[in-house]
N, C-alpha and C. Protein backbone atom coordinates (compact mmCIF):
# COMPACT_ATOMS: atom_id res chain seq x y z
N UNK A 1 -152.48 -168.35 -35.78
CA UNK A 1 -153.17 -167.80 -37.33
C UNK A 1 -154.34 -168.80 -37.72
N UNK A 2 -153.78 -169.77 -37.96
CA UNK A 2 -154.70 -170.60 -38.03
C UNK A 2 -155.85 -170.55 -37.28
N UNK A 3 -156.45 -170.41 -35.82
CA UNK A 3 -157.47 -170.62 -34.93
C UNK A 3 -158.33 -169.37 -35.99
N UNK A 4 -157.41 -168.30 -35.97
CA UNK A 4 -158.16 -166.67 -37.03
C UNK A 4 -158.92 -167.58 -37.94
N UNK A 5 -157.49 -167.95 -38.90
CA UNK A 5 -157.84 -168.00 -40.46
C UNK A 5 -159.51 -169.37 -40.38
N UNK A 6 -159.94 -169.94 -39.42
CA UNK A 6 -160.48 -171.59 -38.53
C UNK A 6 -162.30 -170.34 -38.32
N UNK A 7 -162.14 -169.08 -37.77
CA UNK A 7 -162.87 -168.85 -36.96
C UNK A 7 -163.59 -167.18 -38.48
N UNK A 8 -162.60 -167.37 -39.41
CA UNK A 8 -162.68 -166.00 -40.37
C UNK A 8 -164.83 -166.29 -41.18
N UNK A 9 -164.67 -167.32 -41.58
CA UNK A 9 -165.47 -166.71 -42.45
C UNK A 9 -167.18 -166.62 -41.24
N UNK A 10 -167.37 -166.44 -39.99
CA UNK A 10 -168.04 -166.51 -39.06
C UNK A 10 -167.69 -165.04 -38.25
N UNK A 11 -166.63 -164.70 -37.73
CA UNK A 11 -166.17 -163.72 -37.26
C UNK A 11 -166.94 -162.47 -37.75
N UNK A 12 -166.19 -162.12 -38.77
CA UNK A 12 -167.19 -160.57 -39.50
C UNK A 12 -167.87 -159.96 -39.48
N UNK A 13 -168.82 -161.96 -39.62
CA UNK A 13 -170.70 -161.79 -39.33
C UNK A 13 -171.75 -161.34 -38.01
N UNK A 14 -170.07 -161.07 -37.15
CA UNK A 14 -170.77 -160.79 -35.76
C UNK A 14 -170.12 -159.48 -35.83
N UNK A 15 -169.32 -159.12 -36.60
CA UNK A 15 -169.34 -158.08 -36.71
C UNK A 15 -170.01 -157.18 -37.06
N UNK A 16 -170.50 -157.90 -38.64
CA UNK A 16 -171.16 -156.66 -38.84
C UNK A 16 -172.60 -156.25 -38.24
N UNK A 17 -172.95 -157.65 -37.78
CA UNK A 17 -174.50 -157.17 -37.71
C UNK A 17 -174.50 -155.73 -36.46
N UNK A 18 -173.27 -155.57 -35.26
CA UNK A 18 -173.00 -154.98 -34.10
C UNK A 18 -172.18 -153.18 -34.42
N UNK A 19 -171.69 -153.64 -35.48
CA UNK A 19 -170.69 -152.56 -36.27
C UNK A 19 -171.24 -151.16 -36.47
N UNK A 20 -170.81 -150.45 -34.88
CA UNK A 20 -171.17 -148.49 -35.54
C UNK A 20 -170.53 -148.26 -36.96
N UNK A 21 -171.32 -146.89 -36.83
CA UNK A 21 -171.01 -146.35 -37.88
C UNK A 21 -169.64 -146.01 -38.28
N UNK A 22 -168.98 -145.70 -37.35
CA UNK A 22 -167.99 -144.66 -37.19
C UNK A 22 -166.44 -145.51 -36.97
N UNK A 23 -166.32 -147.12 -36.45
CA UNK A 23 -166.06 -147.57 -36.39
C UNK A 23 -165.61 -148.68 -37.24
N UNK A 24 -164.02 -148.82 -37.15
CA UNK A 24 -163.22 -149.43 -38.20
C UNK A 24 -162.87 -151.34 -37.85
N UNK A 25 -162.37 -152.13 -38.79
CA UNK A 25 -162.12 -153.42 -38.35
C UNK A 25 -161.07 -153.90 -38.89
N UNK A 26 -159.51 -153.67 -38.41
CA UNK A 26 -158.01 -154.43 -38.77
C UNK A 26 -158.19 -155.24 -38.17
N UNK A 27 -157.74 -156.39 -39.31
CA UNK A 27 -157.37 -157.23 -40.14
C UNK A 27 -155.64 -157.75 -39.62
N UNK A 28 -154.88 -158.57 -38.70
CA UNK A 28 -153.03 -158.49 -39.21
C UNK A 28 -153.40 -159.50 -38.89
N UNK A 29 -151.93 -160.46 -40.53
CA UNK A 29 -152.20 -161.64 -40.38
C UNK A 29 -150.61 -161.86 -41.32
N UNK A 30 -149.67 -162.87 -40.24
CA UNK A 30 -148.12 -163.34 -40.49
C UNK A 30 -148.46 -164.08 -42.09
N UNK A 31 -147.82 -163.52 -43.01
CA UNK A 31 -148.34 -164.40 -44.39
C UNK A 31 -147.03 -166.13 -43.72
N UNK A 32 -146.47 -166.05 -43.27
CA UNK A 32 -144.84 -166.42 -42.93
C UNK A 32 -145.19 -167.84 -44.53
N UNK A 33 -145.17 -168.57 -44.17
CA UNK A 33 -144.65 -169.31 -46.05
C UNK A 33 -146.42 -168.95 -46.99
N UNK A 34 -147.70 -168.70 -46.52
CA UNK A 34 -148.60 -169.00 -47.97
C UNK A 34 -148.50 -167.68 -48.52
N UNK A 35 -149.09 -167.69 -49.73
CA UNK A 35 -149.37 -167.29 -50.75
C UNK A 35 -150.04 -166.31 -50.54
N UNK A 36 -149.06 -165.00 -50.37
CA UNK A 36 -150.35 -163.48 -50.13
C UNK A 36 -151.19 -163.35 -50.90
N UNK A 37 -151.24 -163.39 -52.28
CA UNK A 37 -152.07 -162.60 -52.79
C UNK A 37 -153.36 -163.98 -52.05
N UNK A 38 -153.45 -165.55 -52.58
CA UNK A 38 -153.52 -166.06 -52.27
C UNK A 38 -154.41 -166.24 -50.57
N UNK A 39 -154.18 -165.71 -49.39
CA UNK A 39 -154.91 -165.32 -48.58
C UNK A 39 -155.02 -163.89 -48.59
N UNK A 40 -154.77 -163.70 -49.17
CA UNK A 40 -155.44 -161.76 -48.88
C UNK A 40 -156.99 -162.52 -49.48
N UNK A 41 -157.20 -162.45 -50.54
CA UNK A 41 -158.25 -163.32 -51.51
C UNK A 41 -159.22 -164.17 -49.69
N UNK A 42 -158.40 -164.63 -49.31
CA UNK A 42 -159.57 -165.26 -48.03
C UNK A 42 -159.82 -164.01 -47.09
N UNK A 43 -158.76 -163.54 -46.98
CA UNK A 43 -159.55 -162.09 -45.74
C UNK A 43 -160.27 -161.03 -46.42
N UNK A 44 -160.37 -161.26 -47.96
CA UNK A 44 -161.30 -159.68 -48.50
C UNK A 44 -162.56 -160.90 -48.59
N UNK A 45 -162.67 -161.75 -48.94
CA UNK A 45 -163.86 -162.96 -49.00
C UNK A 45 -164.48 -162.81 -47.62
N UNK A 46 -163.74 -163.55 -45.99
CA UNK A 46 -164.58 -163.25 -45.70
C UNK A 46 -164.88 -161.55 -45.37
N UNK A 47 -164.70 -160.71 -45.25
CA UNK A 47 -164.96 -159.70 -45.14
C UNK A 47 -166.26 -158.98 -46.14
N UNK A 48 -165.82 -159.09 -47.36
CA UNK A 48 -167.93 -159.43 -48.19
C UNK A 48 -168.35 -160.93 -48.24
N UNK A 49 -168.58 -161.73 -47.81
CA UNK A 49 -169.60 -162.87 -47.44
C UNK A 49 -169.94 -161.97 -46.27
N UNK A 50 -169.01 -161.81 -44.84
CA UNK A 50 -170.50 -160.71 -44.28
C UNK A 50 -171.11 -159.19 -44.52
N UNK A 51 -170.98 -158.94 -45.54
CA UNK A 51 -171.53 -157.57 -46.07
C UNK A 51 -170.87 -156.59 -45.65
N UNK A 52 -169.17 -156.49 -45.26
CA UNK A 52 -168.56 -155.68 -45.20
C UNK A 52 -167.97 -154.86 -46.20
N UNK A 53 -167.31 -154.13 -46.38
CA UNK A 53 -167.17 -153.30 -47.31
C UNK A 53 -165.10 -152.75 -46.13
N UNK A 54 -164.13 -153.62 -47.76
CA UNK A 54 -162.84 -153.47 -47.33
C UNK A 54 -162.32 -151.99 -47.68
N UNK A 55 -161.42 -152.23 -47.22
CA UNK A 55 -160.09 -150.76 -48.17
C UNK A 55 -160.01 -151.14 -49.71
N UNK A 56 -159.85 -152.71 -49.77
CA UNK A 56 -159.71 -152.95 -50.79
C UNK A 56 -160.74 -152.32 -52.21
N UNK A 57 -161.52 -152.67 -51.71
CA UNK A 57 -162.84 -153.34 -52.36
C UNK A 57 -163.36 -151.89 -52.58
N UNK A 58 -163.44 -150.90 -51.90
CA UNK A 58 -164.42 -149.59 -51.56
C UNK A 58 -164.67 -148.82 -52.61
N UNK A 59 -163.94 -148.59 -53.77
CA UNK A 59 -164.60 -148.09 -55.39
C UNK A 59 -164.77 -146.64 -54.95
N UNK A 60 -163.56 -146.52 -54.16
CA UNK A 60 -163.80 -144.80 -53.91
C UNK A 60 -164.64 -144.14 -52.71
N UNK A 61 -165.05 -144.65 -51.85
CA UNK A 61 -166.34 -144.47 -50.91
C UNK A 61 -165.80 -144.95 -49.87
N UNK A 62 -166.66 -145.32 -48.99
CA UNK A 62 -165.76 -145.38 -47.54
C UNK A 62 -165.79 -147.27 -46.69
N UNK A 63 -165.26 -147.87 -45.78
CA UNK A 63 -164.46 -148.97 -45.76
C UNK A 63 -164.71 -149.18 -44.61
N UNK A 64 -165.45 -150.28 -44.34
CA UNK A 64 -165.33 -150.74 -42.25
C UNK A 64 -164.19 -151.00 -42.09
N UNK A 65 -163.43 -152.14 -43.20
CA UNK A 65 -163.08 -153.16 -42.93
C UNK A 65 -161.19 -152.88 -43.50
N UNK A 66 -159.60 -153.45 -42.65
CA UNK A 66 -158.52 -153.14 -43.41
C UNK A 66 -158.22 -154.68 -43.63
N UNK A 67 -157.38 -155.20 -44.27
CA UNK A 67 -157.33 -157.06 -44.45
C UNK A 67 -155.04 -155.86 -44.70
N UNK A 68 -153.82 -156.62 -43.33
CA UNK A 68 -153.02 -156.00 -43.85
C UNK A 68 -152.45 -157.72 -43.70
N UNK A 69 -151.38 -157.52 -44.48
CA UNK A 69 -151.05 -158.83 -44.02
C UNK A 69 -149.16 -158.27 -43.42
N UNK A 70 -148.46 -158.95 -42.83
CA UNK A 70 -147.40 -159.21 -41.78
C UNK A 70 -146.31 -159.99 -42.99
N UNK A 71 -145.20 -158.63 -43.67
CA UNK A 71 -144.68 -160.29 -43.85
C UNK A 71 -143.33 -160.13 -43.88
N UNK A 72 -142.58 -161.12 -43.45
CA UNK A 72 -142.75 -162.63 -43.21
C UNK A 72 -144.10 -162.43 -42.13
N UNK A 73 -143.23 -161.94 -40.65
CA UNK A 73 -144.13 -162.28 -39.29
C UNK A 73 -144.10 -160.18 -38.57
N UNK A 74 -144.97 -160.49 -38.34
CA UNK A 74 -145.29 -159.29 -37.31
C UNK A 74 -144.05 -158.72 -37.13
N UNK A 75 -143.12 -159.85 -36.82
CA UNK A 75 -141.06 -159.32 -36.14
C UNK A 75 -140.58 -159.03 -37.41
N UNK A 76 -140.87 -158.88 -38.32
CA UNK A 76 -140.23 -157.85 -39.30
C UNK A 76 -140.43 -156.52 -38.77
N UNK A 77 -141.54 -156.62 -38.53
CA UNK A 77 -141.80 -154.42 -37.84
C UNK A 77 -140.56 -154.25 -37.10
N UNK A 78 -140.50 -154.69 -35.91
CA UNK A 78 -139.77 -154.40 -35.36
C UNK A 78 -137.51 -153.97 -36.18
N UNK A 79 -137.50 -155.96 -37.10
CA UNK A 79 -136.67 -155.15 -38.01
C UNK A 79 -136.54 -154.00 -38.46
N UNK A 80 -138.15 -153.85 -38.70
CA UNK A 80 -138.47 -152.11 -39.82
C UNK A 80 -137.26 -150.71 -38.79
N UNK A 81 -137.92 -150.68 -37.63
CA UNK A 81 -137.75 -149.77 -36.95
C UNK A 81 -136.27 -150.08 -35.62
N UNK A 82 -134.76 -150.03 -35.87
CA UNK A 82 -134.79 -151.46 -35.12
C UNK A 82 -133.54 -150.30 -34.03
N UNK A 83 -133.93 -148.32 -33.90
CA UNK A 83 -133.08 -147.89 -32.86
C UNK A 83 -134.56 -148.36 -32.24
N UNK A 84 -136.00 -148.68 -31.72
CA UNK A 84 -136.79 -149.64 -31.36
C UNK A 84 -136.34 -150.56 -30.43
N UNK A 85 -136.04 -151.44 -31.10
CA UNK A 85 -135.45 -152.24 -30.61
C UNK A 85 -133.85 -152.76 -30.05
N UNK A 86 -133.29 -151.29 -30.02
CA UNK A 86 -132.32 -150.83 -29.33
C UNK A 86 -132.72 -150.21 -27.65
N UNK A 87 -133.50 -149.92 -28.43
CA UNK A 87 -133.79 -148.01 -26.75
C UNK A 87 -134.77 -149.80 -25.56
N UNK A 88 -135.21 -151.06 -26.81
CA UNK A 88 -136.31 -151.46 -25.60
C UNK A 88 -134.91 -152.07 -25.04
N UNK A 89 -134.27 -152.59 -25.54
CA UNK A 89 -133.08 -153.61 -25.30
C UNK A 89 -132.06 -153.26 -25.33
N UNK A 90 -131.40 -152.65 -24.51
CA UNK A 90 -129.51 -152.15 -24.71
C UNK A 90 -128.86 -153.39 -24.70
N UNK A 91 -127.72 -153.24 -25.42
CA UNK A 91 -126.77 -154.10 -25.81
C UNK A 91 -126.81 -155.07 -27.33
N UNK A 92 -127.74 -154.37 -27.85
CA UNK A 92 -128.67 -154.64 -29.07
C UNK A 92 -127.71 -154.62 -29.30
N UNK A 93 -126.82 -155.39 -30.72
CA UNK A 93 -125.70 -154.94 -31.81
C UNK A 93 -126.69 -153.27 -33.08
N UNK A 94 -126.46 -152.71 -32.99
CA UNK A 94 -127.12 -151.98 -33.12
C UNK A 94 -126.54 -151.42 -35.30
N UNK A 95 -125.44 -152.29 -35.51
CA UNK A 95 -125.55 -152.81 -37.45
C UNK A 95 -126.62 -153.53 -36.96
N UNK A 96 -127.00 -154.20 -36.89
CA UNK A 96 -128.15 -155.24 -37.13
C UNK A 96 -128.57 -155.24 -38.48
N UNK A 97 -129.25 -154.06 -38.47
CA UNK A 97 -129.77 -153.48 -40.12
C UNK A 97 -129.22 -153.29 -41.43
N UNK A 98 -127.08 -152.89 -41.13
CA UNK A 98 -126.46 -152.82 -41.89
C UNK A 98 -126.15 -154.37 -42.46
N UNK A 99 -126.35 -155.55 -42.00
CA UNK A 99 -126.09 -156.71 -41.84
C UNK A 99 -126.71 -157.18 -43.10
N UNK A 100 -126.31 -157.86 -44.39
CA UNK A 100 -127.08 -158.36 -45.58
C UNK A 100 -128.40 -159.63 -45.38
N UNK A 101 -128.44 -160.22 -44.08
CA UNK A 101 -129.53 -160.73 -43.81
C UNK A 101 -130.76 -160.44 -42.94
N UNK A 102 -130.37 -159.20 -43.19
CA UNK A 102 -131.65 -157.85 -42.70
C UNK A 102 -131.60 -156.63 -42.63
N UNK A 103 -130.54 -156.46 -43.93
CA UNK A 103 -131.81 -155.19 -44.86
C UNK A 103 -132.73 -154.37 -45.35
N UNK A 104 -133.14 -155.67 -45.88
CA UNK A 104 -134.86 -155.91 -45.98
C UNK A 104 -135.82 -156.30 -44.94
N UNK A 105 -136.67 -156.16 -43.90
CA UNK A 105 -137.13 -156.20 -42.81
C UNK A 105 -138.11 -157.17 -43.73
N UNK A 106 -138.81 -157.05 -44.49
CA UNK A 106 -139.78 -158.48 -44.89
C UNK A 106 -138.78 -159.36 -45.68
N UNK A 107 -138.04 -160.11 -46.04
CA UNK A 107 -136.82 -160.57 -46.62
C UNK A 107 -135.69 -161.73 -45.23
N UNK A 108 -136.52 -161.13 -44.31
CA UNK A 108 -135.93 -162.02 -43.39
C UNK A 108 -135.09 -163.73 -43.58
N UNK A 109 -134.76 -163.88 -43.75
CA UNK A 109 -135.22 -166.08 -44.07
C UNK A 109 -135.19 -166.54 -43.14
N UNK A 110 -134.99 -167.82 -42.90
CA UNK A 110 -135.09 -168.29 -41.93
C UNK A 110 -136.12 -168.44 -40.23
N UNK A 111 -137.10 -167.76 -40.25
CA UNK A 111 -137.41 -167.10 -39.38
C UNK A 111 -137.48 -165.90 -38.99
N UNK A 112 -138.61 -165.02 -39.12
CA UNK A 112 -138.66 -163.02 -38.44
C UNK A 112 -138.34 -163.36 -36.89
N UNK A 113 -138.99 -163.90 -35.98
CA UNK A 113 -139.21 -164.34 -34.45
C UNK A 113 -137.92 -164.58 -34.40
N UNK A 114 -137.36 -165.97 -34.63
CA UNK A 114 -136.17 -166.99 -34.38
C UNK A 114 -134.99 -165.54 -34.96
N UNK A 115 -134.95 -165.03 -35.53
CA UNK A 115 -133.27 -164.04 -35.59
C UNK A 115 -133.93 -162.92 -34.63
N UNK A 116 -134.96 -162.33 -34.53
CA UNK A 116 -135.20 -161.62 -33.54
C UNK A 116 -134.42 -162.15 -32.17
N UNK A 117 -135.06 -163.29 -31.42
CA UNK A 117 -135.19 -164.26 -30.19
C UNK A 117 -132.85 -164.21 -30.59
N UNK A 118 -132.50 -164.51 -31.60
CA UNK A 118 -131.34 -165.27 -31.43
C UNK A 118 -130.18 -163.41 -31.59
N UNK A 119 -130.93 -162.91 -31.62
CA UNK A 119 -130.25 -161.99 -31.36
C UNK A 119 -130.78 -161.13 -30.24
N UNK A 120 -131.83 -160.73 -29.72
CA UNK A 120 -131.60 -160.43 -28.58
C UNK A 120 -131.03 -161.36 -27.09
N UNK A 121 -130.82 -162.91 -27.62
CA UNK A 121 -130.45 -163.57 -26.53
C UNK A 121 -128.75 -163.33 -26.65
N UNK A 122 -128.11 -163.11 -27.68
CA UNK A 122 -126.44 -162.85 -28.35
C UNK A 122 -126.96 -161.20 -27.21
N UNK A 123 -127.35 -159.81 -26.95
CA UNK A 123 -127.70 -159.40 -25.83
C UNK A 123 -127.89 -159.34 -24.72
N UNK A 124 -127.69 -160.77 -24.03
CA UNK A 124 -128.57 -161.33 -22.88
C UNK A 124 -129.65 -161.15 -22.31
N UNK A 125 -130.82 -160.94 -23.25
CA UNK A 125 -132.14 -160.54 -23.09
C UNK A 125 -132.69 -162.01 -23.51
N UNK A 126 -134.20 -162.57 -22.41
CA UNK A 126 -134.18 -163.40 -22.93
C UNK A 126 -134.04 -165.03 -23.44
N UNK A 127 -134.07 -165.31 -22.55
CA UNK A 127 -131.87 -166.63 -22.42
C UNK A 127 -132.80 -167.86 -21.70
N UNK A 128 -134.39 -168.15 -22.13
CA UNK A 128 -135.24 -168.86 -21.75
C UNK A 128 -135.93 -169.11 -22.67
N UNK A 129 -135.97 -168.18 -24.10
CA UNK A 129 -136.73 -168.40 -25.02
C UNK A 129 -137.50 -166.37 -25.10
N UNK A 130 -138.11 -166.50 -25.90
CA UNK A 130 -138.18 -164.92 -26.39
C UNK A 130 -139.95 -164.91 -26.15
N UNK A 131 -140.48 -164.15 -25.20
CA UNK A 131 -141.74 -163.92 -25.03
C UNK A 131 -142.25 -162.78 -26.25
N UNK A 132 -143.28 -163.61 -26.99
CA UNK A 132 -142.99 -162.50 -28.06
C UNK A 132 -143.91 -161.21 -28.02
N UNK A 133 -145.09 -161.36 -26.29
CA UNK A 133 -145.93 -160.20 -26.31
C UNK A 133 -145.67 -159.38 -25.73
N UNK A 134 -144.71 -159.64 -25.17
CA UNK A 134 -143.72 -159.03 -23.88
C UNK A 134 -142.72 -157.78 -25.01
N UNK A 135 -142.40 -158.88 -25.67
CA UNK A 135 -141.22 -158.21 -26.83
C UNK A 135 -141.56 -156.74 -27.20
N UNK A 136 -142.80 -157.63 -28.16
CA UNK A 136 -143.99 -156.56 -28.63
C UNK A 136 -144.42 -155.43 -28.22
N UNK A 137 -144.63 -156.07 -26.83
CA UNK A 137 -144.96 -154.30 -26.20
C UNK A 137 -143.51 -153.39 -25.46
N UNK A 138 -142.57 -153.87 -25.24
CA UNK A 138 -141.39 -153.57 -25.04
C UNK A 138 -140.68 -152.21 -26.11
N UNK A 139 -140.46 -153.06 -26.95
CA UNK A 139 -140.50 -152.24 -28.84
C UNK A 139 -140.84 -151.14 -29.19
N UNK A 140 -142.55 -152.16 -29.11
CA UNK A 140 -143.57 -151.05 -29.70
C UNK A 140 -143.76 -149.69 -28.89
N UNK A 141 -142.88 -149.00 -27.79
CA UNK A 141 -142.50 -148.00 -26.90
C UNK A 141 -142.54 -147.39 -27.48
N UNK A 142 -141.40 -147.67 -28.05
CA UNK A 142 -140.54 -146.47 -28.75
C UNK A 142 -140.30 -146.46 -30.38
N UNK A 143 -141.29 -147.26 -31.23
CA UNK A 143 -141.18 -147.51 -32.15
C UNK A 143 -141.67 -145.48 -32.37
N UNK A 144 -141.33 -145.62 -34.24
CA UNK A 144 -141.58 -144.48 -35.09
C UNK A 144 -142.05 -145.05 -36.19
N UNK A 145 -143.27 -144.43 -36.15
CA UNK A 145 -143.85 -145.63 -37.65
C UNK A 145 -143.62 -144.54 -38.42
N UNK A 146 -142.93 -143.47 -38.76
CA UNK A 146 -142.71 -142.79 -39.73
C UNK A 146 -141.37 -142.98 -40.63
N UNK A 147 -140.11 -143.64 -39.96
CA UNK A 147 -139.36 -144.79 -40.22
C UNK A 147 -138.82 -146.17 -40.39
N UNK A 148 -139.68 -146.73 -40.27
CA UNK A 148 -140.20 -147.86 -40.37
C UNK A 148 -139.42 -148.20 -41.91
N UNK A 149 -138.11 -149.12 -41.93
CA UNK A 149 -137.72 -149.46 -43.04
C UNK A 149 -138.67 -150.51 -43.31
N UNK A 150 -140.09 -151.41 -43.17
CA UNK A 150 -140.89 -152.42 -43.33
C UNK A 150 -141.99 -152.15 -44.61
N UNK A 151 -141.87 -153.06 -45.16
CA UNK A 151 -142.60 -152.21 -46.15
C UNK A 151 -144.43 -152.59 -45.96
N UNK A 152 -144.66 -153.78 -45.16
CA UNK A 152 -145.84 -154.37 -44.56
C UNK A 152 -146.37 -153.62 -43.70
N UNK A 153 -145.37 -153.15 -42.62
CA UNK A 153 -145.63 -151.92 -42.03
C UNK A 153 -145.93 -150.40 -42.72
N UNK A 154 -145.94 -150.33 -43.05
CA UNK A 154 -145.77 -148.90 -44.25
C UNK A 154 -147.16 -148.96 -44.57
N UNK A 155 -147.70 -150.45 -45.18
CA UNK A 155 -148.66 -150.09 -45.52
C UNK A 155 -149.41 -150.63 -44.84
N UNK A 156 -149.60 -150.54 -43.47
CA UNK A 156 -150.42 -150.99 -42.87
C UNK A 156 -150.39 -149.86 -42.14
N UNK A 157 -149.30 -149.16 -41.79
CA UNK A 157 -149.61 -147.67 -41.25
C UNK A 157 -150.06 -146.69 -42.21
N UNK A 158 -150.44 -146.77 -43.26
CA UNK A 158 -151.08 -145.72 -44.05
C UNK A 158 -152.74 -146.31 -44.07
N UNK A 159 -152.59 -147.41 -44.11
CA UNK A 159 -154.30 -147.74 -43.81
C UNK A 159 -154.96 -146.99 -42.38
N UNK A 160 -153.56 -147.07 -41.66
CA UNK A 160 -154.29 -146.15 -40.32
C UNK A 160 -154.64 -144.74 -40.23
N UNK A 161 -153.71 -144.35 -40.98
CA UNK A 161 -153.34 -143.23 -41.34
C UNK A 161 -154.97 -142.19 -41.97
N UNK A 162 -155.00 -143.28 -42.58
CA UNK A 162 -156.53 -143.41 -43.58
C UNK A 162 -157.67 -143.05 -42.89
N UNK A 163 -157.63 -144.43 -42.37
CA UNK A 163 -159.13 -144.67 -41.80
C UNK A 163 -159.09 -143.19 -40.46
N UNK A 164 -157.77 -142.46 -39.86
CA UNK A 164 -158.39 -141.42 -39.44
C UNK A 164 -158.69 -140.09 -39.85
N UNK A 165 -158.08 -140.43 -41.31
CA UNK A 165 -158.76 -139.11 -42.12
C UNK A 165 -159.72 -138.72 -42.21
């Protein structure tokens, strides 16, 4: 994340110079413990400074950039579609979404990826530590965007839907 944010001022300018008319840029950043509004302003400023129009400030017209925050972390999106996690990793407790700590995927405290790792380990997966990219690919294959309970995923899904219409 820090690497992305460090490159943020220059990266959109490079894209703006050669972005085909029918292409869009999607930026997804984990909110972690950062201030939502401040992080979103930083992303919006980078797009504006590069001369790109974001979905947020399009004023009814087209846009080139969608800036989305994963609240608290991208792994919250997996908690939002628990059936996908269970399909990817047999033996995982199907009742996790009913437990008070996990009812709101975007409000899991103490680290979302750490919570996912603990649950997967209890089911016999990733005994040497969560391999995030591997898990993301496996879970994503089973995700149903229409039923995901994460509000931040819903905002992302809706932005993608708008881009493709």
